[in-house]
C-alpha atoms as a PDB file:
ATOM      1  CA  MET A   1       5.271 -15.291 -30.211  1.00  0.00           C
ATOM      2  CA  GLN A   2       2.243 -13.101 -29.232  1.00  0.00           C
ATOM      3  CA  ASN A   3       2.301 -13.687 -25.771  1.00  0.00           C
ATOM      4  CA  LYS A   4       6.412 -13.139 -25.889  1.00  0.00           C
ATOM      5  CA  LYS A   5       5.741  -9.854 -27.348  1.00  0.00           C
ATOM      6  CA  GLN A   6       3.075  -8.825 -24.698  1.00  0.00           C
ATOM      7  CA  ILE A   7       5.542  -9.755 -21.825  1.00  0.00           C
ATOM      8  CA  ILE A   8       8.295  -7.538 -23.566  1.00  0.00           C
ATOM      9  CA  ARG A   9       5.475  -4.662 -23.947  1.00  0.00           C
ATOM     10  CA  ASN A  10       4.495  -5.325 -20.436  1.00  0.00           C
ATOM     11  CA  ILE A  11       8.333  -4.867 -19.125  1.00  0.00           C
ATOM     12  CA  ILE A  12       8.468  -1.558 -21.584  1.00  0.00           C
ATOM     13  CA  ILE A  13       5.848   0.198 -19.853  1.00  0.00           C
ATOM     14  CA  LEU A  14       6.726  -1.388 -16.507  1.00  0.00           C
ATOM     15  CA  LEU A  15      10.528   0.455 -17.130  1.00  0.00           C
ATOM     16  CA  LEU A  16       9.097   3.937 -18.404  1.00  0.00           C
ATOM     17  CA  LEU A  17       6.634   4.093 -15.162  1.00  0.00           C
ATOM     18  CA  ILE A  18       9.801   3.701 -13.057  1.00  0.00           C
ATOM     19  CA  LEU A  19      11.900   5.812 -15.131  1.00  0.00           C
ATOM     20  CA  ILE A  20       8.874   8.478 -15.141  1.00  0.00           C
ATOM     21  CA  THR A  21       8.518   8.016 -11.363  1.00  0.00           C
ATOM     22  CA  PHE A  22      12.120   8.645 -10.334  1.00  0.00           C
ATOM     23  CA  ILE A  23      12.422  11.246 -12.846  1.00  0.00           C
ATOM     24  CA  PHE A  24       9.260  13.516 -10.680  1.00  0.00           C
ATOM     25  CA  ILE A  25      10.572  11.816  -7.793  1.00  0.00           C
ATOM     26  CA  PHE A  26      13.720  13.874  -7.997  1.00  0.00           C
ATOM     27  CA  LYS A  27      12.540  16.358  -9.193  1.00  0.00           C
ATOM     28  CA  ASN A  28      12.331  17.381  -5.080  1.00  0.00           C
ATOM     29  CA  TYR A  29      15.658  15.325  -3.501  1.00  0.00           C
ATOM     30  CA  ASP A  30      19.184  15.506  -4.421  1.00  0.00           C
ATOM     31  CA  PHE A  31      20.144  12.103  -5.891  1.00  0.00           C
ATOM     32  CA  THR A  32      23.942  12.126  -5.754  1.00  0.00           C
ATOM     33  CA  ASN A  33      23.175  12.893  -1.849  1.00  0.00           C
ATOM     34  CA  THR A  34      20.591  10.408  -2.043  1.00  0.00           C
ATOM     35  CA  ILE A  35      22.906   7.880  -3.141  1.00  0.00           C
ATOM     36  CA  LYS A  36      25.378   8.862  -1.023  1.00  0.00           C
ATOM     37  CA  ILE A  37      23.203   8.261   2.196  1.00  0.00           C
ATOM     38  CA  ILE A  38      22.096   4.428   0.616  1.00  0.00           C
ATOM     39  CA  MET A  39      26.122   3.327   0.743  1.00  0.00           C
ATOM     40  CA  LYS A  40      26.494   4.430   4.461  1.00  0.00           C
ATOM     41  CA  THR A  41      23.904   2.227   5.633  1.00  0.00           C
ATOM     42  CA  ASP A  42      24.467  -0.782   7.539  1.00  0.00           C
ATOM     43  CA  ILE A  43      24.836  -3.327   5.059  1.00  0.00           C
ATOM     44  CA  LYS A  44      24.140  -6.141   7.835  1.00  0.00           C
ATOM     45  CA  TYR A  45      20.470  -4.871   7.859  1.00  0.00           C
ATOM     46  CA  LEU A  46      20.156  -4.541   4.328  1.00  0.00           C
ATOM     47  CA  LEU A  47      20.977  -8.603   4.604  1.00  0.00           C
ATOM     48  CA  LEU A  48      18.122  -9.233   7.071  1.00  0.00           C
ATOM     49  CA  ALA A  49      15.806  -6.968   4.685  1.00  0.00           C
ATOM     50  CA  THR A  50      16.892  -9.387   1.706  1.00  0.00           C
ATOM     51  CA  ILE A  51      16.539 -12.686   4.092  1.00  0.00           C
ATOM     52  CA  THR A  52      12.732 -11.439   5.011  1.00  0.00           C
ATOM     53  CA  MET A  53      12.073 -10.976   1.682  1.00  0.00           C
ATOM     54  CA  LEU A  54      13.078 -14.554   0.618  1.00  0.00           C
ATOM     55  CA  LEU A  55      11.068 -15.552   3.746  1.00  0.00           C
ATOM     56  CA  TYR A  56       7.928 -14.185   2.309  1.00  0.00           C
ATOM     57  CA  ILE A  57       8.465 -16.075  -0.961  1.00  0.00           C
ATOM     58  CA  ILE A  58       9.454 -19.035   0.833  1.00  0.00           C
ATOM     59  CA  PHE A  59       6.292 -18.935   2.901  1.00  0.00           C
ATOM     60  CA  GLU A  60       4.003 -18.629  -0.008  1.00  0.00           C
ATOM     61  CA  SER A  61       5.873 -21.782  -1.606  1.00  0.00           C
ATOM     62  CA  ILE A  62       5.599 -23.907   1.262  1.00  0.00           C
ATOM     63  CA  ASN A  63       1.652 -22.834   1.370  1.00  0.00           C
ATOM     64  CA  ILE A  64       1.194 -23.824  -2.056  1.00  0.00           C
ATOM     65  CA  LYS A  65       3.017 -26.854  -1.601  1.00  0.00           C
ATOM     66  CA  ASN A  66       1.145 -28.002   1.248  1.00  0.00           C
ATOM     67  CA  ILE A  67      -2.314 -27.101  -0.581  1.00  0.00           C
ATOM     68  CA  ILE A  68      -1.432 -29.071  -3.635  1.00  0.00           C
ATOM     69  CA  LYS A  69      -0.198 -32.457  -1.214  1.00  0.00           C
ATOM     70  CA  SER A  70      -4.148 -31.958  -0.002  1.00  0.00           C
ATOM     71  CA  LEU A  71      -5.265 -32.366  -2.903  1.00  0.00           C
ATOM     72  CA  GLY A  72      -3.100 -35.820  -3.715  1.00  0.00           C
ATOM     73  CA  ASN A  73      -0.004 -34.110  -5.822  1.00  0.00           C
ATOM     74  CA  HIS A  74       3.435 -33.704  -4.674  1.00  0.00           C
ATOM     75  CA  ILE A  75       5.678 -31.393  -5.504  1.00  0.00           C
ATOM     76  CA  PRO A  76       9.399 -30.281  -4.405  1.00  0.00           C
ATOM     77  CA  ILE A  77       9.600 -26.962  -2.742  1.00  0.00           C
ATOM     78  CA  ILE A  78      11.935 -26.284  -5.239  1.00  0.00           C
ATOM     79  CA  ASN A  79       9.234 -26.387  -7.924  1.00  0.00           C
ATOM     80  CA  ALA A  80       6.787 -24.272  -5.429  1.00  0.00           C
ATOM     81  CA  ILE A  81       9.261 -21.795  -4.968  1.00  0.00           C
ATOM     82  CA  LYS A  82       9.915 -21.434  -8.913  1.00  0.00           C
ATOM     83  CA  TYR A  83       5.540 -20.893  -9.265  1.00  0.00           C
ATOM     84  CA  THR A  84       5.746 -18.368  -6.571  1.00  0.00           C
ATOM     85  CA  PHE A  85       8.772 -16.492  -8.510  1.00  0.00           C
ATOM     86  CA  ILE A  86       7.093 -16.935 -11.908  1.00  0.00           C
ATOM     87  CA  GLY A  87       3.785 -15.203 -10.185  1.00  0.00           C
ATOM     88  CA  PHE A  88       5.600 -12.585  -8.628  1.00  0.00           C
ATOM     89  CA  PHE A  89       7.071 -11.818 -12.241  1.00  0.00           C
ATOM     90  CA  PHE A  90       3.780 -11.715 -14.093  1.00  0.00           C
ATOM     91  CA  SER A  91       1.930 -10.112 -11.110  1.00  0.00           C
ATOM     92  CA  GLY A  92       4.715  -7.584 -11.185  1.00  0.00           C
ATOM     93  CA  ILE A  93       4.302  -6.565 -15.123  1.00  0.00           C
ATOM     94  CA  THR A  94       0.326  -6.481 -15.198  1.00  0.00           C
ATOM     95  CA  PRO A  95      -2.397  -4.060 -13.826  1.00  0.00           C
ATOM     96  CA  GLY A  96      -3.248  -4.993 -10.355  1.00  0.00           C
ATOM     97  CA  GLY A  97      -0.873  -8.331 -10.433  1.00  0.00           C
ATOM     98  CA  SER A  98      -3.784  -9.786 -12.799  1.00  0.00           C
ATOM     99  CA  GLY A  99      -1.163 -11.835 -14.822  1.00  0.00           C
ATOM    100  CA  GLY A 100      -0.011 -13.748 -12.048  1.00  0.00           C
ATOM    101  CA  GLN A 101      -1.989 -16.266 -11.168  1.00  0.00           C
ATOM    102  CA  PRO A 102      -3.072 -17.380 -14.720  1.00  0.00           C
ATOM    103  CA  MET A 103       0.522 -18.150 -15.543  1.00  0.00           C
ATOM    104  CA  GLU A 104       1.630 -20.159 -12.575  1.00  0.00           C
ATOM    105  CA  ILE A 105      -1.506 -22.467 -13.377  1.00  0.00           C
ATOM    106  CA  TYR A 106       0.437 -22.652 -16.985  1.00  0.00           C
ATOM    107  CA  TYR A 107       3.692 -23.622 -16.086  1.00  0.00           C
ATOM    108  CA  MET A 108       2.292 -26.140 -13.046  1.00  0.00           C
ATOM    109  CA  LYS A 109       0.437 -27.547 -16.012  1.00  0.00           C
ATOM    110  CA  LYS A 110       3.216 -28.514 -17.731  1.00  0.00           C
ATOM    111  CA  ASP A 111       4.660 -30.105 -15.025  1.00  0.00           C
ATOM    112  CA  ASN A 112       1.635 -32.331 -14.675  1.00  0.00           C
ATOM    113  CA  ILE A 113      -0.473 -30.422 -12.160  1.00  0.00           C
ATOM    114  CA  PRO A 114      -4.258 -30.848 -13.015  1.00  0.00           C
ATOM    115  CA  VAL A 115      -5.707 -27.212 -13.662  1.00  0.00           C
ATOM    116  CA  THR A 116      -7.874 -28.056 -11.044  1.00  0.00           C
ATOM    117  CA  GLY A 117      -5.502 -28.629  -8.515  1.00  0.00           C
ATOM    118  CA  SER A 118      -3.462 -25.626  -9.082  1.00  0.00           C
ATOM    119  CA  THR A 119      -6.643 -23.221  -9.105  1.00  0.00           C
ATOM    120  CA  ILE A 120      -7.726 -24.496  -5.815  1.00  0.00           C
ATOM    121  CA  ALA A 121      -4.250 -24.343  -4.549  1.00  0.00           C
ATOM    122  CA  LEU A 122      -4.055 -20.615  -5.787  1.00  0.00           C
ATOM    123  CA  LEU A 123      -7.314 -19.556  -4.772  1.00  0.00           C
ATOM    124  CA  ILE A 124      -6.772 -20.643  -1.517  1.00  0.00           C
ATOM    125  CA  GLU A 125      -4.027 -18.480  -1.107  1.00  0.00           C
ATOM    126  CA  LEU A 126      -5.166 -15.916  -2.826  1.00  0.00           C
ATOM    127  CA  ILE A 127      -8.374 -15.596  -0.279  1.00  0.00           C
ATOM    128  CA  SER A 128      -6.280 -15.777   2.291  1.00  0.00           C
ATOM    129  CA  PHE A 129      -3.309 -13.465   1.439  1.00  0.00           C
ATOM    130  CA  HIS A 130      -6.783 -10.501   0.747  1.00  0.00           C
ATOM    131  CA  THR A 131      -8.340 -11.650   4.130  1.00  0.00           C
ATOM    132  CA  ILE A 132      -5.152 -11.012   5.860  1.00  0.00           C
ATOM    133  CA  THR A 133      -3.473  -8.001   4.054  1.00  0.00           C
ATOM    134  CA  ILE A 134      -7.489  -6.352   5.218  1.00  0.00           C
ATOM    135  CA  ILE A 135      -7.537  -6.968   8.342  1.00  0.00           C
ATOM    136  CA  CYS A 136      -3.771  -5.396   8.759  1.00  0.00           C
ATOM    137  CA  GLY A 137      -4.735  -2.985   6.760  1.00  0.00           C
ATOM    138  CA  LEU A 138      -7.815  -1.673   9.234  1.00  0.00           C
ATOM    139  CA  ILE A 139      -5.165  -2.371  12.113  1.00  0.00           C
ATOM    140  CA  GLY A 140      -2.832   0.039  10.583  1.00  0.00           C
ATOM    141  CA  LEU A 141      -4.971   2.847   9.859  1.00  0.00           C
ATOM    142  CA  ILE A 142      -6.295   2.189  13.653  1.00  0.00           C
ATOM    143  CA  MET A 143      -2.503   2.582  14.847  1.00  0.00           C
ATOM    144  CA  ASN A 144      -1.515   5.541  12.249  1.00  0.00           C
ATOM    145  CA  LYS A 145      -4.578   7.385  11.751  1.00  0.00           C
ATOM    146  CA  GLN A 146      -2.524  10.408  12.274  1.00  0.00           C
ATOM    147  CA  LEU A 147      -0.276   9.895   9.373  1.00  0.00           C
ATOM    148  CA  MET A 148      -2.724   9.912   6.793  1.00  0.00           C
ATOM    149  CA  THR A 149      -3.536  13.072   4.810  1.00  0.00           C
ATOM    150  CA  LYS A 150      -7.357  13.298   3.478  1.00  0.00           C
ATOM    151  CA  GLU A 151      -5.511  11.960  -0.132  1.00  0.00           C
ATOM    152  CA  LEU A 152      -3.795   9.533   1.496  1.00  0.00           C
ATOM    153  CA  ILE A 153      -7.536   8.591   3.200  1.00  0.00           C
ATOM    154  CA  TRP A 154      -9.032   8.444  -0.282  1.00  0.00           C
ATOM    155  CA  ILE A 155      -6.533   6.615  -1.847  1.00  0.00           C
ATOM    156  CA  PHE A 156      -6.775   3.993   1.372  1.00  0.00           C
ATOM    157  CA  ILE A 157     -10.447   3.668   0.994  1.00  0.00           C
ATOM    158  CA  ILE A 158     -10.160   3.210  -2.855  1.00  0.00           C
ATOM    159  CA  GLY A 159      -7.735   0.170  -2.059  1.00  0.00           C
ATOM    160  CA  LEU A 160      -9.338  -0.959   0.470  1.00  0.00           C
ATOM    161  CA  VAL A 161     -12.636  -1.261  -1.319  1.00  0.00           C
ATOM    162  CA  LEU A 162     -10.937  -2.937  -4.600  1.00  0.00           C
ATOM    163  CA  LYS A 163      -9.643  -5.518  -2.441  1.00  0.00           C
ATOM    164  CA  LEU A 164     -13.271  -6.298  -0.396  1.00  0.00           C
ATOM    165  CA  ILE A 165     -14.818  -6.364  -4.286  1.00  0.00           C
ATOM    166  CA  VAL A 166     -12.241  -8.900  -5.088  1.00  0.00           C
ATOM    167  CA  LEU A 167     -12.467 -11.018  -1.958  1.00  0.00           C
ATOM    168  CA  THR A 168     -15.990 -10.804  -2.045  1.00  0.00           C
ATOM    169  CA  ILE A 169     -16.606 -11.774  -6.002  1.00  0.00           C
ATOM    170  CA  MET A 170     -14.352 -14.739  -4.615  1.00  0.00           C
ATOM    171  CA  ILE A 171     -16.611 -15.699  -2.043  1.00  0.00           C
ATOM    172  CA  ILE A 172     -19.198 -16.171  -4.387  1.00  0.00           C
ATOM    173  CA  SER A 173     -18.210 -17.331  -6.839  1.00  0.00           C
ATOM    174  CA  LEU A 174     -17.272 -20.090  -4.696  1.00  0.00           C
ATOM    175  CA  PHE A 175     -20.008 -20.596  -2.497  1.00  0.00           C
ATOM    176  CA  PHE A 176     -22.775 -19.007  -4.458  1.00  0.00           C
ATOM    177  CA  LYS A 177     -23.105 -20.830  -7.623  1.00  0.00           C
ATOM    178  CA  ASN A 178     -26.478 -19.753  -8.570  1.00  0.00           C
ATOM    179  CA  ILE A 179     -25.436 -16.010  -7.731  1.00  0.00           C
ATOM    180  CA  SER A 180     -22.345 -16.151 -10.244  1.00  0.00           C
ATOM    181  CA  GLN A 181     -24.487 -17.796 -12.818  1.00  0.00           C
ATOM    182  CA  LEU A 182     -26.978 -14.726 -12.483  1.00  0.00           C
ATOM    183  CA  LEU A 183     -24.117 -11.815 -12.449  1.00  0.00           C
ATOM    184  CA  ILE A 184     -22.172 -14.029 -15.387  1.00  0.00           C
ATOM    185  CA  ASN A 185     -25.420 -13.603 -17.282  1.00  0.00           C
ATOM    186  CA  LEU A 186     -25.705 -10.380 -16.830  1.00  0.00           C
ATOM    187  CA  THR A 187     -22.435  -8.907 -17.770  1.00  0.00           C
ATOM    188  CA  ILE A 188     -23.141 -10.943 -21.332  1.00  0.00           C
ATOM    189  CA  LYS A 189     -26.000  -9.144 -21.690  1.00  0.00           C
ATOM    190  CA  ILE A 190     -24.376  -5.870 -20.917  1.00  0.00           C
ATOM    191  CA  LEU A 191     -21.095  -6.578 -23.197  1.00  0.00           C
ATOM    192  CA  HIS A 192     -23.754  -7.819 -25.880  1.00  0.00           C
ATOM    193  CA  LYS A 193     -25.455  -4.345 -26.227  1.00  0.00           C
ATOM    194  CA  PHE A 194     -22.177  -2.765 -26.108  1.00  0.00           C
ATOM    195  CA  LYS A 195     -21.130  -5.133 -28.976  1.00  0.00           C
ATOM    196  CA  TYR A 196     -18.298  -6.868 -27.617  1.00  0.00           C
ATOM    197  CA  THR A 197     -16.540  -8.898 -29.426  1.00  0.00           C
ATOM    198  CA  ASN A 198     -16.184 -12.910 -29.120  1.00  0.00           C
ATOM    199  CA  LEU A 199     -18.938 -12.886 -26.544  1.00  0.00           C
ATOM    200  CA  ASN A 200     -19.245 -16.469 -26.596  1.00  0.00           C
ATOM    201  CA  LYS A 201     -15.612 -16.948 -25.975  1.00  0.00           C
ATOM    202  CA  LEU A 202     -15.644 -15.031 -22.917  1.00  0.00           C
ATOM    203  CA  GLU A 203     -18.893 -16.368 -21.827  1.00  0.00           C
ATOM    204  CA  LYS A 204     -17.626 -20.369 -22.158  1.00  0.00           C
ATOM    205  CA  ASN A 205     -14.298 -19.343 -20.275  1.00  0.00           C
ATOM    206  CA  LEU A 206     -16.618 -17.483 -17.503  1.00  0.00           C
ATOM    207  CA  ASN A 207     -18.907 -20.838 -16.824  1.00  0.00           C
ATOM    208  CA  GLU A 208     -15.214 -22.805 -17.105  1.00  0.00           C
ATOM    209  CA  SER A 209     -14.056 -20.655 -14.087  1.00  0.00           C
ATOM    210  CA  LEU A 210     -17.020 -21.050 -12.842  1.00  0.00           C
ATOM    211  CA  ILE A 211     -17.244 -24.965 -12.606  1.00  0.00           C
ATOM    212  CA  LYS A 212     -13.609 -25.029 -11.011  1.00  0.00           C
ATOM    213  CA  TYR A 213     -14.696 -21.983  -8.292  1.00  0.00           C
ATOM    214  CA  HIS A 214     -17.521 -24.228  -7.732  1.00  0.00           C
ATOM    215  CA  GLU A 215     -15.257 -27.747  -7.845  1.00  0.00           C
ATOM    216  CA  SER A 216     -12.957 -25.512  -5.441  1.00  0.00           C
ATOM    217  CA  SER A 217     -15.800 -24.797  -2.934  1.00  0.00           C
ATOM    218  CA  ILE A 218     -16.426 -28.348  -2.748  1.00  0.00           C
ATOM    219  CA  TYR A 219     -12.586 -29.388  -1.621  1.00  0.00           C
ATOM    220  CA  ILE A 220     -12.695 -26.129   0.898  1.00  0.00           C
ATOM    221  CA  LYS A 221     -16.076 -27.275   2.403  1.00  0.00           C
ATOM    222  CA  HIS A 222     -14.410 -30.578   3.051  1.00  0.00           C
ATOM    223  CA  HIS A 223     -10.727 -29.857   3.953  1.00  0.00           C
ATOM    224  CA  LYS A 224     -11.539 -26.877   6.555  1.00  0.00           C
ATOM    225  CA  ARG A 225      -8.168 -27.444   8.690  1.00  0.00           C
ATOM    226  CA  ILE A 226      -6.038 -26.778   5.510  1.00  0.00           C
ATOM    227  CA  ILE A 227      -7.672 -23.256   4.896  1.00  0.00           C
ATOM    228  CA  VAL A 228      -6.828 -22.176   8.829  1.00  0.00           C
ATOM    229  CA  LYS A 229      -3.289 -23.726   7.925  1.00  0.00           C
ATOM    230  CA  SER A 230      -3.162 -21.433   5.138  1.00  0.00           C
ATOM    231  CA  LEU A 231      -4.300 -18.188   6.751  1.00  0.00           C
ATOM    232  CA  LEU A 232      -1.364 -19.015   9.286  1.00  0.00           C
ATOM    233  CA  THR A 233       1.042 -19.134   6.985  1.00  0.00           C
ATOM    234  CA  VAL A 234       0.295 -15.838   4.670  1.00  0.00           C
ATOM    235  CA  PHE A 235      -0.223 -14.523   7.688  1.00  0.00           C
ATOM    236  CA  PHE A 236       3.799 -15.231   8.408  1.00  0.00           C
ATOM    237  CA  GLN A 237       3.992 -14.858   5.063  1.00  0.00           C
ATOM    238  CA  VAL A 238       2.975 -11.088   5.124  1.00  0.00           C
ATOM    239  CA  ILE A 239       4.457 -10.532   8.288  1.00  0.00           C
ATOM    240  CA  MET A 240       8.125 -11.222   6.651  1.00  0.00           C
ATOM    241  CA  SER A 241       7.174  -8.537   3.515  1.00  0.00           C
ATOM    242  CA  TYR A 242       5.905  -5.953   6.575  1.00  0.00           C
ATOM    243  CA  THR A 243       9.114  -6.400   8.461  1.00  0.00           C
ATOM    244  CA  ILE A 244      11.436  -5.200   5.732  1.00  0.00           C
ATOM    245  CA  PRO A 245      11.371  -1.217   6.077  1.00  0.00           C
ATOM    246  CA  TYR A 246      11.970  -2.126   9.873  1.00  0.00           C
ATOM    247  CA  PHE A 247      15.233  -3.526   9.083  1.00  0.00           C
ATOM    248  CA  ILE A 248      15.820  -0.453   6.388  1.00  0.00           C
ATOM    249  CA  TYR A 249      15.110   1.975   8.923  1.00  0.00           C
ATOM    250  CA  ARG A 250      17.699   0.419  11.594  1.00  0.00           C
ATOM    251  CA  SER A 251      20.046   0.128   8.846  1.00  0.00           C
ATOM    252  CA  PHE A 252      20.445   3.840   8.855  1.00  0.00           C
ATOM    253  CA  GLY A 253      21.696   3.599  12.959  1.00  0.00           C
ATOM    254  CA  LEU A 254      17.621   4.488  13.826  1.00  0.00           C
ATOM    255  CA  ASN A 255      15.914   2.884  16.237  1.00  0.00           C
ATOM    256  CA  GLU A 256      13.477   5.461  17.903  1.00  0.00           C
ATOM    257  CA  PHE A 257      10.140   3.787  16.274  1.00  0.00           C
ATOM    258  CA  SER A 258       9.439   0.070  17.651  1.00  0.00           C
ATOM    259  CA  TYR A 259       9.250  -2.751  15.254  1.00  0.00           C
ATOM    260  CA  LEU A 260       5.324  -3.300  15.777  1.00  0.00           C
ATOM    261  CA  LYS A 261       4.720   0.658  14.366  1.00  0.00           C
ATOM    262  CA  ILE A 262       6.731   0.305  11.349  1.00  0.00           C
ATOM    263  CA  LEU A 263       5.252  -3.020  10.942  1.00  0.00           C
ATOM    264  CA  SER A 264       1.718  -1.002  11.379  1.00  0.00           C
ATOM    265  CA  ILE A 265       2.629   1.806   8.855  1.00  0.00           C
ATOM    266  CA  GLN A 266       3.655  -0.855   6.416  1.00  0.00           C
ATOM    267  CA  ALA A 267       0.309  -2.751   6.532  1.00  0.00           C
ATOM    268  CA  LEU A 268      -1.628   0.510   6.114  1.00  0.00           C
ATOM    269  CA  LEU A 269       1.075   1.432   3.004  1.00  0.00           C
ATOM    270  CA  TYR A 270       0.208  -2.095   1.187  1.00  0.00           C
ATOM    271  CA  VAL A 271      -3.586  -2.129   1.348  1.00  0.00           C
ATOM    272  CA  THR A 272      -3.531   2.015   0.434  1.00  0.00           C
ATOM    273  CA  THR A 273      -1.427   0.936  -3.077  1.00  0.00           C
ATOM    274  CA  SER A 274      -2.122  -2.807  -4.025  1.00  0.00           C
ATOM    275  CA  SER A 275      -5.109  -2.826  -5.494  1.00  0.00           C
ATOM    276  CA  LEU A 276      -4.627   0.414  -7.605  1.00  0.00           C
ATOM    277  CA  PRO A 277      -4.584  -0.775 -11.518  1.00  0.00           C
ATOM    278  CA  LEU A 278      -0.609   0.235 -11.985  1.00  0.00           C
ATOM    279  CA  PRO A 279       2.127  -2.444 -13.212  1.00  0.00           C
ATOM    280  CA  GLY A 280       3.851  -3.603  -9.848  1.00  0.00           C
ATOM    281  CA  THR A 281       2.109  -0.204  -8.285  1.00  0.00           C
ATOM    282  CA  VAL A 282       5.008   1.349  -9.834  1.00  0.00           C
ATOM    283  CA  GLY A 283       4.740   5.703  -8.947  1.00  0.00           C
ATOM    284  CA  ILE A 284       2.154   5.132  -6.142  1.00  0.00           C
ATOM    285  CA  SER A 285       3.855   3.102  -4.416  1.00  0.00           C
ATOM    286  CA  GLU A 286       6.716   5.079  -3.643  1.00  0.00           C
ATOM    287  CA  ASN A 287       4.921   8.164  -4.059  1.00  0.00           C
ATOM    288  CA  VAL A 288       2.567   7.186  -0.848  1.00  0.00           C
ATOM    289  CA  PHE A 289       5.978   5.775   0.514  1.00  0.00           C
ATOM    290  CA  LEU A 290       7.322   9.599   0.979  1.00  0.00           C
ATOM    291  CA  LYS A 291       4.443  10.706   2.383  1.00  0.00           C
ATOM    292  CA  ILE A 292       3.358   7.884   4.765  1.00  0.00           C
ATOM    293  CA  TYR A 293       6.829   7.852   6.318  1.00  0.00           C
ATOM    294  CA  ALA A 294       7.821  11.397   6.517  1.00  0.00           C
ATOM    295  CA  THR A 295       7.381  10.835  10.330  1.00  0.00           C
ATOM    296  CA  VAL A 296       9.384   8.037  10.502  1.00  0.00           C
ATOM    297  CA  PHE A 297      12.704   9.303   8.570  1.00  0.00           C
ATOM    298  CA  THR A 298      14.217  12.952   8.138  1.00  0.00           C
ATOM    299  CA  VAL A 299      13.991  14.694   5.286  1.00  0.00           C
ATOM    300  CA  THR A 300      17.353  13.739   3.559  1.00  0.00           C
ATOM    301  CA  ILE A 301      17.112  10.097   4.569  1.00  0.00           C
ATOM    302  CA  LEU A 302      13.273   9.530   3.169  1.00  0.00           C
ATOM    303  CA  PRO A 303      14.701   9.023  -0.574  1.00  0.00           C
ATOM    304  CA  SER A 304      17.094   6.856   0.137  1.00  0.00           C
ATOM    305  CA  ALA A 305      14.979   5.173   2.972  1.00  0.00           C
ATOM    306  CA  MET A 306      12.186   4.301  -0.534  1.00  0.00           C
ATOM    307  CA  ILE A 307      14.859   3.213  -2.595  1.00  0.00           C
ATOM    308  CA  LEU A 308      16.028   0.812  -0.356  1.00  0.00           C
ATOM    309  CA  SER A 309      12.273  -0.599   0.398  1.00  0.00           C
ATOM    310  CA  ARG A 310      10.978  -0.791  -2.967  1.00  0.00           C
ATOM    311  CA  GLY A 311      14.417  -2.042  -4.412  1.00  0.00           C
ATOM    312  CA  ILE A 312      14.529  -4.890  -1.852  1.00  0.00           C
ATOM    313  CA  ASN A 313      10.838  -5.950  -1.630  1.00  0.00           C
ATOM    314  CA  TYR A 314       9.917  -5.161  -5.456  1.00  0.00           C
ATOM    315  CA  TYR A 315      13.125  -4.604  -8.072  1.00  0.00           C
ATOM    316  CA  LEU A 316      15.239  -6.757  -7.080  1.00  0.00           C
ATOM    317  CA  PHE A 317      13.161  -9.828  -6.675  1.00  0.00           C
ATOM    318  CA  MET A 318      11.777  -8.942  -9.944  1.00  0.00           C
ATOM    319  CA  LEU A 319      14.829  -9.675 -11.378  1.00  0.00           C
ATOM    320  CA  ILE A 320      15.455 -12.624  -9.929  1.00  0.00           C
ATOM    321  CA  SER A 321      11.976 -13.809 -11.008  1.00  0.00           C
ATOM    322  CA  ILE A 322      13.091 -12.350 -14.940  1.00  0.00           C
ATOM    323  CA  VAL A 323      15.689 -14.610 -14.912  1.00  0.00           C
ATOM    324  CA  ILE A 324      13.569 -17.663 -13.627  1.00  0.00           C
ATOM    325  CA  VAL A 325      11.005 -16.887 -16.372  1.00  0.00           C
ATOM    326  CA  ILE A 326      13.679 -17.038 -18.745  1.00  0.00           C
ATOM    327  CA  LEU A 327      15.859 -20.242 -17.586  1.00  0.00           C
ATOM    328  CA  ASN A 328      11.819 -22.128 -17.497  1.00  0.00           C
ATOM    329  CA  SER A 329      11.190 -20.450 -21.298  1.00  0.00           C
ATOM    330  CA  LEU A 330      14.002 -22.266 -22.455  1.00  0.00           C
ATOM    331  CA  PRO A 331      13.658 -25.455 -24.932  1.00  0.00           C
ATOM    332  CA  LYS A 332      14.494 -28.478 -23.006  1.00  0.00           C
ATOM    333  CA  ASN A 333      16.779 -31.467 -24.302  1.00  0.00           C
ATOM    334  CA  LYS A 334      13.906 -34.195 -23.153  1.00  0.00           C
ATOM    335  CA  LYS A 335      16.496 -36.691 -24.470  1.00  0.00           C
ATOM    336  CA  LYS A 336      19.257 -35.885 -22.253  1.00  0.00           C
ATOM    337  CA  TYR A 337      16.627 -35.155 -19.499  1.00  0.00           C
ATOM    338  CA  ASP A 338      15.894 -39.068 -19.788  1.00  0.00           C
ATOM    339  CA  ILE A 339      19.555 -39.984 -20.232  1.00  0.00           C
ATOM    340  CA  ILE A 340      20.389 -38.209 -16.637  1.00  0.00           C
ATOM    341  CA  LYS A 341      17.166 -39.594 -15.342  1.00  0.00           C
ATOM    342  CA  SER A 342      17.877 -43.351 -16.290  1.00  0.00           C
END
């Protein structure tokens, strides 16, 4: 019940952030005209944008399924898609996307997938994702440095540093157990001085996590091919996500900028905004979009492009994710299932 209340609270905070964001944005733009422009877009390109977002989900699901399979646990692709949508939802309502993976592990455990296996699968997926997005973001910066104002450069640096810190912590936790133990001990000592409550529980959780990470490192050292496969799968996953603004661009009948150019701009935007501690990066993503795509779209089209891009790559799939989470939270009639199964 407490967890449900927390989820509801996070959703309310998210909705308030969305409302505040759009109130501030449309102080400078005509909302009625924005909607009229959206209604005139080419529907086939919007459908293509939606399909690419669905492919983003599918590629991540394939990656999780393949890694778990390599650990000796076979799961249907539909289950892997379910976990991905669940992760998408909880990442979208928690700051920095911190709630996604723990909830995926929880739902995998409910389906009898060992915690060690799910932890390894999601850890490899996360490391691959951070690696690919950082590389793509840096390429995007090189290709589009003329678009970056001083403000955007600072936001990009903050986003990049946060991503690098997360990636570094994961790598240290995986391959440098002694250093990780020293960092845990140091953290506990610092928190003890600040009279942090539940310190024993935190220390226990951190040490348990360290053990799981060490088990993951042993697996990774002996299964290097799965890492290469994961990086390739994540690369195509990320490309699908970055393709959405291109189809939005084409839906307005525009074709001046190439596919690669739009792709590189989106890669730059993602690194700039994705690590900032806001649920779903709501507020910052919309505003950075308006700044970074200002040379791609005209002033009248720009807010419509932002709504469509964010609408497909975040809001629409958040709604789908909510439905999936609700369906998976409903009590199951085990007896009825057993009868059908027999």
